[in-house]
């Protein structure tokens, strides 16, 4: 489970680069990648349709009134809301954190 606005970059620069260089840590997801190999994982994409976005922002995000910065901020909130819904529904075992967007408890 996880969310990212720049998903390709996150996968390439974090998981792929760390797996190739042998620098994966001990987080559950990284341990699973070491054990099974990155090729055993599948990526599911969920498309944010206007109907889904409107459930969270009924006023819509297409307005010319909001700035690009505000649009990105609001879209980030939409993504976090949906991620939290998936965490609550599926309770993924490889997720250490059960609050979307949280980094509490992770040593960086």
C-alpha atoms as a PDB file:
ATOM      1  CA  UNK A   1       0.000   0.000   0.000  1.00  0.00           C
ATOM      2  CA  UNK A   2       1.178   3.483  -0.602  1.00  0.00           C
ATOM      3  CA  UNK A   3       0.490   6.554  -2.609  1.00  0.00           C
ATOM      4  CA  UNK A   4       2.558   8.891  -4.664  1.00  0.00           C
ATOM      5  CA  UNK A   5       1.921  11.672  -7.102  1.00  0.00           C
ATOM      6  CA  UNK A   6       5.217  10.770  -8.802  1.00  0.00           C
ATOM      7  CA  UNK A   7       4.840   6.980  -8.700  1.00  0.00           C
ATOM      8  CA  UNK A   8       7.315   6.109 -11.465  1.00  0.00           C
ATOM      9  CA  UNK A   9       9.968   8.244  -9.798  1.00  0.00           C
ATOM     10  CA  UNK A  10       9.305   6.679  -6.394  1.00  0.00           C
ATOM     11  CA  UNK A  11       9.592   3.151  -7.771  1.00  0.00           C
ATOM     12  CA  UNK A  12      12.688   3.870  -9.865  1.00  0.00           C
ATOM     13  CA  UNK A  13      14.626   5.997  -7.393  1.00  0.00           C
ATOM     14  CA  UNK A  14      13.691   4.181  -4.229  1.00  0.00           C
ATOM     15  CA  UNK A  15      12.778   0.519  -4.564  1.00  0.00           C
ATOM     16  CA  UNK A  16      14.491  -0.336  -7.849  1.00  0.00           C
ATOM     17  CA  UNK A  17      17.699   1.566  -7.065  1.00  0.00           C
ATOM     18  CA  UNK A  18      17.903   0.169  -3.535  1.00  0.00           C
ATOM     19  CA  UNK A  19      17.134  -3.394  -4.658  1.00  0.00           C
ATOM     20  CA  UNK A  20      19.774  -3.274  -7.406  1.00  0.00           C
ATOM     21  CA  UNK A  21      22.428  -1.874  -5.078  1.00  0.00           C
ATOM     22  CA  UNK A  22      21.609  -4.250  -2.208  1.00  0.00           C
ATOM     23  CA  UNK A  23      20.670  -1.335   0.075  1.00  0.00           C
ATOM     24  CA  UNK A  24      17.195  -2.491   1.059  1.00  0.00           C
ATOM     25  CA  UNK A  25      16.506  -2.069   4.740  1.00  0.00           C
ATOM     26  CA  UNK A  26      14.541  -4.102   7.262  1.00  0.00           C
ATOM     27  CA  UNK A  27      11.078  -2.631   6.754  1.00  0.00           C
ATOM     28  CA  UNK A  28       8.524  -5.393   6.010  1.00  0.00           C
ATOM     29  CA  UNK A  29       8.156  -4.377   2.348  1.00  0.00           C
ATOM     30  CA  UNK A  30      11.922  -4.273   1.853  1.00  0.00           C
ATOM     31  CA  UNK A  31      12.402  -7.643   3.588  1.00  0.00           C
ATOM     32  CA  UNK A  32       9.742  -9.130   1.308  1.00  0.00           C
ATOM     33  CA  UNK A  33      11.475  -7.696  -1.781  1.00  0.00           C
ATOM     34  CA  UNK A  34      14.772  -9.224  -0.621  1.00  0.00           C
ATOM     35  CA  UNK A  35      13.126 -12.588   0.060  1.00  0.00           C
ATOM     36  CA  UNK A  36      10.904 -12.924  -3.019  1.00  0.00           C
ATOM     37  CA  UNK A  37      12.455 -10.513  -5.516  1.00  0.00           C
ATOM     38  CA  UNK A  38      10.879  -7.388  -6.946  1.00  0.00           C
ATOM     39  CA  UNK A  39       9.518  -9.334  -9.924  1.00  0.00           C
ATOM     40  CA  UNK A  40       7.051 -11.155  -7.664  1.00  0.00           C
ATOM     41  CA  UNK A  41       5.197  -7.952  -6.802  1.00  0.00           C
ATOM     42  CA  UNK A  42       2.339  -6.475  -8.813  1.00  0.00           C
ATOM     43  CA  UNK A  43       1.341  -2.868  -9.056  1.00  0.00           C
ATOM     44  CA  UNK A  44      -2.327  -1.932  -9.089  1.00  0.00           C
ATOM     45  CA  UNK A  45      -3.285   1.494 -10.325  1.00  0.00           C
ATOM     46  CA  UNK A  46      -6.485   3.191  -9.316  1.00  0.00           C
ATOM     47  CA  UNK A  47      -7.626   5.955 -11.603  1.00  0.00           C
ATOM     48  CA  UNK A  48      -9.104   8.999  -9.892  1.00  0.00           C
ATOM     49  CA  UNK A  49     -12.191   9.761 -11.926  1.00  0.00           C
ATOM     50  CA  UNK A  50     -14.049  13.055 -11.552  1.00  0.00           C
ATOM     51  CA  UNK A  51     -16.821  11.156  -9.713  1.00  0.00           C
ATOM     52  CA  UNK A  52     -14.369   9.950  -7.055  1.00  0.00           C
ATOM     53  CA  UNK A  53     -12.741  13.356  -6.690  1.00  0.00           C
ATOM     54  CA  UNK A  54     -16.157  15.011  -6.379  1.00  0.00           C
ATOM     55  CA  UNK A  55     -16.987  12.774  -3.427  1.00  0.00           C
ATOM     56  CA  UNK A  56     -14.137  14.434  -1.535  1.00  0.00           C
ATOM     57  CA  UNK A  57     -14.323  17.887  -3.132  1.00  0.00           C
ATOM     58  CA  UNK A  58     -17.945  18.459  -4.245  1.00  0.00           C
ATOM     59  CA  UNK A  59     -17.007  21.924  -5.517  1.00  0.00           C
ATOM     60  CA  UNK A  60     -14.581  20.264  -7.921  1.00  0.00           C
ATOM     61  CA  UNK A  61     -10.925  20.821  -8.625  1.00  0.00           C
ATOM     62  CA  UNK A  62     -11.197  22.117 -12.170  1.00  0.00           C
ATOM     63  CA  UNK A  63     -11.984  25.658 -11.118  1.00  0.00           C
ATOM     64  CA  UNK A  64      -9.839  28.443 -12.559  1.00  0.00           C
ATOM     65  CA  UNK A  65     -10.059  30.107  -9.154  1.00  0.00           C
ATOM     66  CA  UNK A  66      -7.594  27.805  -7.370  1.00  0.00           C
ATOM     67  CA  UNK A  67      -3.877  27.993  -8.063  1.00  0.00           C
ATOM     68  CA  UNK A  68      -1.743  25.145  -9.378  1.00  0.00           C
ATOM     69  CA  UNK A  69      -0.172  24.861  -5.922  1.00  0.00           C
ATOM     70  CA  UNK A  70      -3.621  24.597  -4.298  1.00  0.00           C
ATOM     71  CA  UNK A  71      -4.703  22.025  -6.906  1.00  0.00           C
ATOM     72  CA  UNK A  72      -1.676  19.837  -6.096  1.00  0.00           C
ATOM     73  CA  UNK A  73      -2.319  20.211  -2.366  1.00  0.00           C
ATOM     74  CA  UNK A  74      -5.979  19.229  -2.741  1.00  0.00           C
ATOM     75  CA  UNK A  75      -5.132  16.322  -5.048  1.00  0.00           C
ATOM     76  CA  UNK A  76      -2.608  15.116  -2.462  1.00  0.00           C
ATOM     77  CA  UNK A  77      -5.405  15.091   0.117  1.00  0.00           C
ATOM     78  CA  UNK A  78      -7.646  13.122  -2.246  1.00  0.00           C
ATOM     79  CA  UNK A  79      -4.896  10.528  -2.692  1.00  0.00           C
ATOM     80  CA  UNK A  80      -4.345  10.258   1.076  1.00  0.00           C
ATOM     81  CA  UNK A  81      -8.078   9.839   1.736  1.00  0.00           C
ATOM     82  CA  UNK A  82      -8.259   7.001  -0.781  1.00  0.00           C
ATOM     83  CA  UNK A  83      -5.075   5.402   0.567  1.00  0.00           C
ATOM     84  CA  UNK A  84      -6.551   5.472   4.084  1.00  0.00           C
ATOM     85  CA  UNK A  85      -9.723   3.837   2.803  1.00  0.00           C
ATOM     86  CA  UNK A  86      -7.660   1.017   1.254  1.00  0.00           C
ATOM     87  CA  UNK A  87      -5.610   0.582   4.446  1.00  0.00           C
ATOM     88  CA  UNK A  88      -8.794   0.273   6.518  1.00  0.00           C
ATOM     89  CA  UNK A  89     -10.431  -2.108   4.068  1.00  0.00           C
ATOM     90  CA  UNK A  90      -7.501  -4.431   3.275  1.00  0.00           C
ATOM     91  CA  UNK A  91      -5.226  -4.043   6.337  1.00  0.00           C
ATOM     92  CA  UNK A  92      -2.096  -4.813   4.266  1.00  0.00           C
ATOM     93  CA  UNK A  93       0.484  -6.775   6.234  1.00  0.00           C
ATOM     94  CA  UNK A  94       3.481  -5.068   4.627  1.00  0.00           C
ATOM     95  CA  UNK A  95       2.296  -1.640   5.778  1.00  0.00           C
ATOM     96  CA  UNK A  96       3.900  -0.784   9.099  1.00  0.00           C
ATOM     97  CA  UNK A  97       1.945   2.433   9.392  1.00  0.00           C
ATOM     98  CA  UNK A  98      -1.820   2.362   9.381  1.00  0.00           C
ATOM     99  CA  UNK A  99      -2.310   6.102   8.845  1.00  0.00           C
ATOM    100  CA  UNK A 100      -1.984   7.310   5.246  1.00  0.00           C
ATOM    101  CA  UNK A 101       0.809   9.811   4.792  1.00  0.00           C
ATOM    102  CA  UNK A 102       2.269   9.116   8.242  1.00  0.00           C
ATOM    103  CA  UNK A 103       5.991   8.734   8.793  1.00  0.00           C
ATOM    104  CA  UNK A 104       5.758   8.327  12.574  1.00  0.00           C
ATOM    105  CA  UNK A 105       8.012   5.553  13.830  1.00  0.00           C
ATOM    106  CA  UNK A 106      10.127   5.350  10.686  1.00  0.00           C
ATOM    107  CA  UNK A 107      13.801   6.164  11.123  1.00  0.00           C
ATOM    108  CA  UNK A 108      15.067   8.209   8.213  1.00  0.00           C
END
